[in-house]
C-alpha cells in the first residue's frame, strides 16, 4: 500500500495541473473532464475525467452528495462532501483501473 503513496501525489498533481497560458483564477476544464469540489468544510476544486462518473465507487460519492445537498450545490458545481484524502485515494485507484 505504501508503494502507491508517491503515485497518488503525482496523480493528484496531474488532476490539479493547469496548462500553461492559463492561471488558476481562470476556469479551464479540458474536453472530456468535469469540475468537482471536494471537502467537508473547505472545498477544493478538482478536474477529473468524465469517465469516472460511470464507476460504481464514484457513483457512491455522487449519491452521498445528493443526500447532502440535493441538486443545490453551494459551489455552483458538483460538490462532494468527503475528505480530500479519500477522494484522492479513490481517483488514484480509478486511474489504475483505466490504465
N, C-alpha and C. Protein backbone atom coordinates (compact mmCIF):
# COMPACT_ATOMS: atom_id res chain seq x y z
N UNK A 1 0.82 -1.18 0.00
CA UNK A 1 0.00 0.00 0.00
C UNK A 1 0.87 1.25 0.00
N UNK A 2 2.00 1.22 0.70
CA UNK A 2 2.90 2.36 0.72
C UNK A 2 3.54 2.63 -0.63
N UNK A 3 3.55 1.63 -1.50
CA UNK A 3 4.13 1.78 -2.82
C UNK A 3 3.34 2.79 -3.64
N UNK A 4 2.02 2.84 -3.46
CA UNK A 4 1.18 3.72 -4.24
C UNK A 4 1.18 5.16 -3.73
N UNK A 5 1.72 5.40 -2.54
CA UNK A 5 1.70 6.73 -1.96
C UNK A 5 2.31 7.78 -2.86
N UNK A 6 3.54 7.61 -3.37
CA UNK A 6 4.08 8.64 -4.27
C UNK A 6 3.24 8.80 -5.53
N UNK A 7 2.72 7.70 -6.06
CA UNK A 7 1.91 7.76 -7.28
C UNK A 7 0.66 8.60 -7.04
N UNK A 8 0.04 8.44 -5.84
CA UNK A 8 -1.16 9.20 -5.54
C UNK A 8 -0.91 10.69 -5.62
N UNK A 9 0.22 11.14 -5.08
CA UNK A 9 0.51 12.57 -5.09
C UNK A 9 0.85 13.05 -6.50
N UNK A 10 1.54 12.23 -7.27
CA UNK A 10 1.83 12.59 -8.65
C UNK A 10 0.53 12.70 -9.43
N UNK A 11 -0.38 11.73 -9.24
CA UNK A 11 -1.65 11.75 -9.94
C UNK A 11 -2.49 12.95 -9.50
N UNK A 12 -2.48 13.26 -8.19
CA UNK A 12 -3.23 14.41 -7.71
C UNK A 12 -2.73 15.68 -8.36
N UNK A 13 -1.41 15.79 -8.55
CA UNK A 13 -0.86 16.97 -9.21
C UNK A 13 -1.32 17.03 -10.66
N UNK A 14 -1.45 15.86 -11.32
CA UNK A 14 -1.92 15.84 -12.70
C UNK A 14 -3.36 16.31 -12.77
N UNK A 15 -4.18 15.93 -11.80
CA UNK A 15 -5.57 16.34 -11.79
C UNK A 15 -5.66 17.85 -11.63
N UNK A 16 -4.82 18.42 -10.75
CA UNK A 16 -4.89 19.83 -10.44
C UNK A 16 -4.08 20.71 -11.38
N UNK A 17 -3.27 20.10 -12.23
CA UNK A 17 -2.37 20.86 -13.08
C UNK A 17 -3.14 21.76 -14.06
N UNK A 18 -2.71 23.01 -14.13
CA UNK A 18 -3.31 23.96 -15.06
C UNK A 18 -2.35 24.15 -16.22
N UNK A 19 -2.79 23.95 -17.46
CA UNK A 19 -1.90 24.09 -18.62
C UNK A 19 -1.32 25.50 -18.71
N UNK A 20 -0.15 25.60 -19.32
CA UNK A 20 0.48 26.91 -19.47
C UNK A 20 -0.41 27.83 -20.29
N UNK A 21 -0.34 29.11 -19.97
CA UNK A 21 -1.20 30.07 -20.64
C UNK A 21 -2.47 30.36 -19.87
N UNK A 22 -2.74 29.58 -18.86
CA UNK A 22 -3.91 29.78 -18.02
C UNK A 22 -3.45 30.01 -16.58
N UNK A 23 -4.21 30.78 -15.84
CA UNK A 23 -3.93 30.95 -14.42
C UNK A 23 -4.95 30.15 -13.64
N UNK A 24 -4.67 29.96 -12.37
CA UNK A 24 -5.61 29.20 -11.54
C UNK A 24 -6.93 29.93 -11.37
N UNK A 25 -6.93 31.23 -11.57
CA UNK A 25 -8.16 32.00 -11.43
C UNK A 25 -9.10 31.80 -12.61
N UNK A 26 -8.56 31.40 -13.75
CA UNK A 26 -9.40 31.18 -14.92
C UNK A 26 -10.06 29.81 -14.83
N UNK A 27 -11.23 29.71 -15.37
CA UNK A 27 -11.96 28.45 -15.33
C UNK A 27 -11.65 27.63 -16.57
N UNK A 28 -10.65 26.77 -16.47
CA UNK A 28 -10.25 25.92 -17.58
C UNK A 28 -10.62 24.49 -17.25
N UNK A 29 -11.40 23.88 -18.11
CA UNK A 29 -11.75 22.47 -17.96
C UNK A 29 -11.51 21.81 -19.30
N UNK A 30 -10.54 20.88 -19.37
CA UNK A 30 -10.26 20.20 -20.64
C UNK A 30 -11.48 19.42 -21.13
N UNK A 31 -11.56 19.25 -22.43
CA UNK A 31 -12.63 18.46 -23.03
C UNK A 31 -12.60 17.05 -22.43
N UNK A 32 -13.78 16.55 -22.08
CA UNK A 32 -13.87 15.21 -21.51
C UNK A 32 -13.64 15.16 -20.01
N UNK A 33 -13.64 16.31 -19.35
CA UNK A 33 -13.43 16.40 -17.91
C UNK A 33 -14.56 17.19 -17.27
N UNK A 34 -14.65 17.08 -15.95
CA UNK A 34 -15.67 17.79 -15.19
C UNK A 34 -15.02 18.32 -13.90
N UNK A 35 -15.52 19.46 -13.42
CA UNK A 35 -15.02 20.05 -12.18
C UNK A 35 -15.82 19.48 -11.02
N UNK A 36 -15.11 19.09 -9.96
CA UNK A 36 -15.73 18.58 -8.75
C UNK A 36 -15.12 19.33 -7.57
N UNK A 37 -15.97 19.81 -6.68
CA UNK A 37 -15.50 20.45 -5.45
C UNK A 37 -15.58 19.43 -4.34
N UNK A 38 -14.45 19.24 -3.64
CA UNK A 38 -14.35 18.18 -2.64
C UNK A 38 -13.92 18.76 -1.30
N UNK A 39 -14.55 18.26 -0.24
CA UNK A 39 -14.15 18.66 1.10
C UNK A 39 -15.35 18.71 2.02
N UNK A 40 -15.07 18.58 3.32
CA UNK A 40 -16.15 18.63 4.29
C UNK A 40 -16.46 20.07 4.70
N UNK A 41 -15.42 20.83 5.00
CA UNK A 41 -15.62 22.23 5.38
C UNK A 41 -15.13 23.14 4.25
N UNK A 42 -13.86 23.07 3.96
CA UNK A 42 -13.24 23.87 2.90
C UNK A 42 -13.25 23.04 1.62
N UNK A 43 -13.82 23.57 0.57
CA UNK A 43 -13.93 22.83 -0.68
C UNK A 43 -12.73 23.13 -1.59
N UNK A 44 -12.19 22.07 -2.18
CA UNK A 44 -11.07 22.20 -3.11
C UNK A 44 -11.53 21.74 -4.49
N UNK A 45 -11.08 22.45 -5.51
CA UNK A 45 -11.52 22.19 -6.89
C UNK A 45 -10.62 21.13 -7.54
N UNK A 46 -11.25 20.09 -8.09
CA UNK A 46 -10.56 19.04 -8.83
C UNK A 46 -11.16 18.96 -10.23
N UNK A 47 -10.34 18.62 -11.19
CA UNK A 47 -10.80 18.37 -12.55
C UNK A 47 -10.54 16.89 -12.83
N UNK A 48 -11.61 16.14 -13.08
CA UNK A 48 -11.49 14.69 -13.27
C UNK A 48 -12.11 14.29 -14.61
N UNK A 49 -11.67 13.16 -15.17
CA UNK A 49 -12.26 12.67 -16.42
C UNK A 49 -13.74 12.31 -16.24
N UNK A 50 -14.53 12.60 -17.24
CA UNK A 50 -15.96 12.28 -17.19
C UNK A 50 -16.19 10.78 -17.01
N UNK A 51 -15.28 9.96 -17.51
CA UNK A 51 -15.44 8.51 -17.41
C UNK A 51 -15.56 8.04 -15.95
N UNK A 52 -15.02 8.81 -15.00
CA UNK A 52 -15.12 8.44 -13.59
C UNK A 52 -16.58 8.44 -13.11
N UNK A 53 -17.43 9.23 -13.74
CA UNK A 53 -18.82 9.34 -13.31
C UNK A 53 -19.57 8.03 -13.46
N UNK A 54 -19.10 7.14 -14.32
CA UNK A 54 -19.75 5.84 -14.53
C UNK A 54 -19.29 4.76 -13.57
N UNK A 55 -18.22 5.01 -12.84
CA UNK A 55 -17.67 3.98 -11.96
C UNK A 55 -18.52 3.87 -10.69
N UNK A 56 -18.83 2.63 -10.24
CA UNK A 56 -19.68 2.44 -9.06
C UNK A 56 -19.17 3.15 -7.80
N UNK A 57 -17.87 3.17 -7.57
CA UNK A 57 -17.33 3.84 -6.38
C UNK A 57 -17.57 5.34 -6.45
N UNK A 58 -17.39 5.92 -7.62
CA UNK A 58 -17.62 7.35 -7.78
C UNK A 58 -19.11 7.65 -7.67
N UNK A 59 -19.94 6.75 -8.16
CA UNK A 59 -21.38 6.95 -8.06
C UNK A 59 -21.86 6.93 -6.62
N UNK A 60 -21.16 6.16 -5.77
CA UNK A 60 -21.47 6.17 -4.34
C UNK A 60 -21.24 7.57 -3.76
N UNK A 61 -20.13 8.19 -4.15
CA UNK A 61 -19.85 9.55 -3.70
C UNK A 61 -20.93 10.52 -4.20
N UNK A 62 -21.34 10.33 -5.45
CA UNK A 62 -22.38 11.20 -6.01
C UNK A 62 -23.71 11.03 -5.27
N UNK A 63 -24.01 9.80 -4.89
CA UNK A 63 -25.24 9.55 -4.13
C UNK A 63 -25.17 10.23 -2.77
N UNK A 64 -24.01 10.16 -2.14
CA UNK A 64 -23.80 10.83 -0.85
C UNK A 64 -23.96 12.34 -1.01
N UNK A 65 -23.43 12.88 -2.10
CA UNK A 65 -23.55 14.31 -2.37
C UNK A 65 -25.01 14.69 -2.58
N UNK A 66 -25.75 13.83 -3.26
CA UNK A 66 -27.17 14.10 -3.49
C UNK A 66 -27.94 14.13 -2.17
N UNK A 67 -27.61 13.18 -1.28
CA UNK A 67 -28.27 13.15 0.02
C UNK A 67 -27.93 14.39 0.85
N UNK A 68 -26.70 14.87 0.72
CA UNK A 68 -26.23 16.03 1.49
C UNK A 68 -26.78 17.34 0.94
N UNK A 69 -26.71 17.52 -0.38
CA UNK A 69 -27.04 18.81 -0.99
C UNK A 69 -28.27 18.79 -1.89
N UNK A 70 -28.76 17.62 -2.26
CA UNK A 70 -29.81 17.57 -3.26
C UNK A 70 -29.21 18.01 -4.58
N UNK A 71 -29.90 18.88 -5.28
CA UNK A 71 -29.36 19.38 -6.55
C UNK A 71 -28.95 20.84 -6.44
N UNK A 72 -28.91 21.36 -5.22
CA UNK A 72 -28.49 22.73 -4.96
C UNK A 72 -27.08 22.72 -4.38
N UNK A 73 -26.08 22.69 -5.22
CA UNK A 73 -24.70 22.64 -4.76
C UNK A 73 -24.21 24.05 -4.44
N UNK A 74 -23.67 24.26 -3.23
CA UNK A 74 -23.28 25.60 -2.79
C UNK A 74 -22.16 26.24 -3.62
N UNK A 75 -21.30 25.46 -4.22
CA UNK A 75 -20.20 26.00 -5.01
C UNK A 75 -20.63 26.35 -6.43
N UNK A 76 -21.84 25.95 -6.81
CA UNK A 76 -22.29 26.19 -8.16
C UNK A 76 -21.92 25.06 -9.10
N UNK A 77 -21.09 24.14 -8.65
CA UNK A 77 -20.69 22.97 -9.42
C UNK A 77 -20.95 21.73 -8.60
N UNK A 78 -20.54 20.60 -9.10
CA UNK A 78 -20.71 19.34 -8.40
C UNK A 78 -19.87 19.35 -7.13
N UNK A 79 -20.52 19.18 -5.97
CA UNK A 79 -19.84 19.22 -4.68
C UNK A 79 -19.95 17.88 -3.99
N UNK A 80 -18.83 17.33 -3.56
CA UNK A 80 -18.81 16.04 -2.87
C UNK A 80 -18.28 16.26 -1.46
N UNK A 81 -19.11 16.02 -0.44
CA UNK A 81 -18.72 16.28 0.94
C UNK A 81 -17.95 15.11 1.57
N UNK A 82 -16.74 14.88 1.10
CA UNK A 82 -15.91 13.83 1.69
C UNK A 82 -14.52 14.40 1.94
N UNK A 83 -13.71 13.66 2.66
CA UNK A 83 -12.35 14.12 2.92
C UNK A 83 -11.55 14.11 1.63
N UNK A 84 -10.72 15.12 1.49
CA UNK A 84 -9.90 15.26 0.28
C UNK A 84 -9.01 14.04 0.07
N UNK A 85 -8.42 13.51 1.15
CA UNK A 85 -7.55 12.34 1.04
C UNK A 85 -8.31 11.13 0.50
N UNK A 86 -9.55 10.96 0.95
CA UNK A 86 -10.36 9.83 0.47
C UNK A 86 -10.66 9.99 -1.02
N UNK A 87 -10.93 11.21 -1.46
CA UNK A 87 -11.20 11.46 -2.87
C UNK A 87 -9.96 11.19 -3.72
N UNK A 88 -8.81 11.65 -3.26
CA UNK A 88 -7.56 11.41 -3.99
C UNK A 88 -7.27 9.92 -4.06
N UNK A 89 -7.51 9.21 -2.97
CA UNK A 89 -7.31 7.76 -2.96
C UNK A 89 -8.21 7.08 -3.98
N UNK A 90 -9.48 7.47 -4.00
CA UNK A 90 -10.43 6.87 -4.96
C UNK A 90 -10.02 7.17 -6.39
N UNK A 91 -9.71 8.42 -6.70
CA UNK A 91 -9.35 8.76 -8.07
C UNK A 91 -8.04 8.10 -8.50
N UNK A 92 -7.14 7.89 -7.54
CA UNK A 92 -5.90 7.17 -7.86
C UNK A 92 -6.20 5.72 -8.24
N UNK A 93 -7.10 5.09 -7.48
CA UNK A 93 -7.48 3.70 -7.80
C UNK A 93 -8.20 3.63 -9.15
N UNK A 94 -9.04 4.62 -9.43
CA UNK A 94 -9.74 4.64 -10.71
C UNK A 94 -8.76 4.81 -11.86
N UNK A 95 -7.75 5.64 -11.67
CA UNK A 95 -6.73 5.86 -12.70
C UNK A 95 -5.99 4.55 -13.00
N UNK A 96 -5.70 3.76 -11.96
CA UNK A 96 -5.02 2.48 -12.15
C UNK A 96 -5.89 1.51 -12.95
N UNK A 97 -7.20 1.55 -12.72
CA UNK A 97 -8.11 0.66 -13.43
C UNK A 97 -8.26 1.06 -14.89
N UNK A 98 -8.20 2.35 -15.16
CA UNK A 98 -8.36 2.85 -16.52
C UNK A 98 -7.11 2.56 -17.34
N UNK A 99 -5.94 2.66 -16.70
CA UNK A 99 -4.66 2.48 -17.43
C UNK A 99 -4.46 1.07 -17.91
